[in-house]
Amino acid sequence: MTITTLTSREFNQDSGRAKKAAENGPVFITDRGRPSHVLLSIDEYRRLAGSPRKIADLLSDLASADIELPIAPRTDRARPAKFG
């Protein structure tokens, strides 16, 4: 993996170079000498971000988990409604 650093001016003048460099590793883009952005290939981004999960999968994981939810007993009693 090769790490490339470009100034924001270099990036603006030659974005093709930045995209080509991102195929070999991250490209750090600096603004006034400080890193401000990182350019990654889509494959590297997906690897780092992980695969997106469907909500059904997340709910299924919750359903199979052993979760206890303590519920305090109600102490107030129902009262008849007052009309008028």
Protein backbone atom coordinates (compact mmCIF):
# COMPACT_ATOMS: atom_id res chain seq x y z
CA MET A 1 0.00 0.00 0.00
CA THR A 2 1.31 3.38 -1.02
CA ILE A 3 0.25 6.53 0.81
CA THR A 4 0.12 9.68 -1.32
CA THR A 5 -0.19 13.24 -0.09
CA LEU A 6 -1.42 16.06 -2.31
CA THR A 7 -2.14 19.68 -1.58
CA SER A 8 -5.68 20.81 -2.30
CA ARG A 9 -4.27 22.83 -5.22
CA GLU A 10 -2.56 19.74 -6.69
CA PHE A 11 -5.77 17.76 -6.26
CA ASN A 12 -7.83 20.44 -8.03
CA GLN A 13 -5.34 20.70 -10.89
CA ASP A 14 -4.97 16.94 -11.46
CA SER A 15 -7.78 14.88 -9.96
CA GLY A 16 -6.98 12.07 -12.39
CA ARG A 17 -3.59 11.63 -10.72
CA ALA A 18 -5.31 11.46 -7.34
CA LYS A 19 -7.79 8.82 -8.55
CA LYS A 20 -4.98 6.75 -10.02
CA ALA A 21 -2.96 7.02 -6.80
CA ALA A 22 -6.02 5.94 -4.73
CA GLU A 23 -5.94 2.57 -6.49
CA ASN A 24 -2.63 1.90 -4.69
CA GLY A 25 -3.55 3.30 -1.28
CA PRO A 26 -5.07 6.29 0.48
CA VAL A 27 -4.53 9.80 -0.83
CA PHE A 28 -4.30 12.46 1.85
CA ILE A 29 -5.35 15.90 0.66
CA THR A 30 -3.96 18.77 2.68
CA ASP A 31 -5.29 22.25 3.22
CA ARG A 32 -2.71 24.76 4.43
CA GLY A 33 -0.34 21.95 5.31
CA ARG A 34 -2.83 19.95 7.38
CA PRO A 35 -4.62 16.79 6.27
CA SER A 36 -8.25 17.64 5.55
CA HIS A 37 -9.58 14.79 3.38
CA VAL A 38 -8.74 11.24 2.37
CA LEU A 39 -9.50 9.75 -1.04
CA LEU A 40 -10.00 5.97 -1.18
CA SER A 41 -10.90 3.55 -3.92
CA ILE A 42 -14.47 2.29 -3.66
CA ASP A 43 -13.22 -1.22 -2.89
CA GLU A 44 -11.11 0.03 0.01
CA TYR A 45 -14.00 2.14 1.31
CA ARG A 46 -16.36 -0.85 1.22
CA ARG A 47 -13.77 -3.00 2.99
CA LEU A 48 -13.41 -0.42 5.77
CA ALA A 49 -17.11 0.37 6.05
CA GLY A 50 -18.25 -3.24 5.98
CA SER A 51 -21.21 -4.50 4.05
CA PRO A 52 -24.50 -2.74 4.65
CA ARG A 53 -27.06 -4.80 6.54
CA LYS A 54 -30.73 -4.98 5.87
CA ILE A 55 -33.08 -3.91 8.63
CA ALA A 56 -34.66 -7.38 8.61
CA ASP A 57 -31.25 -8.86 9.47
CA LEU A 58 -30.80 -6.40 12.33
CA LEU A 59 -34.25 -7.16 13.73
CA SER A 60 -33.60 -10.87 13.39
CA ASP A 61 -30.43 -10.47 15.45
CA LEU A 62 -32.42 -8.66 18.13
CA ALA A 63 -35.12 -11.33 18.18
CA SER A 64 -32.57 -14.07 18.75
CA ALA A 65 -30.72 -12.12 21.45
CA ASP A 66 -31.48 -12.83 25.08
CA ILE A 67 -32.58 -9.38 26.18
CA GLU A 68 -34.26 -8.72 29.50
CA LEU A 69 -36.27 -5.58 29.96
CA PRO A 70 -37.20 -4.85 33.56
CA ILE A 71 -40.67 -3.36 33.77
CA ALA A 72 -41.68 -1.82 37.07
CA PRO A 73 -45.17 -2.66 38.29
CA ARG A 74 -47.74 0.08 37.96
CA THR A 75 -48.65 1.65 41.26
CA ASP A 76 -51.36 4.02 40.07
CA ARG A 77 -54.90 2.76 39.68
CA ALA A 78 -57.32 3.62 36.92
CA ARG A 79 -59.86 6.23 37.95
CA PRO A 80 -63.22 6.90 36.35
CA ALA A 81 -63.31 9.83 33.97
CA LYS A 82 -65.05 12.97 35.14
CA PHE A 83 -67.42 14.58 32.63
CA GLY A 84 -68.90 18.01 32.99
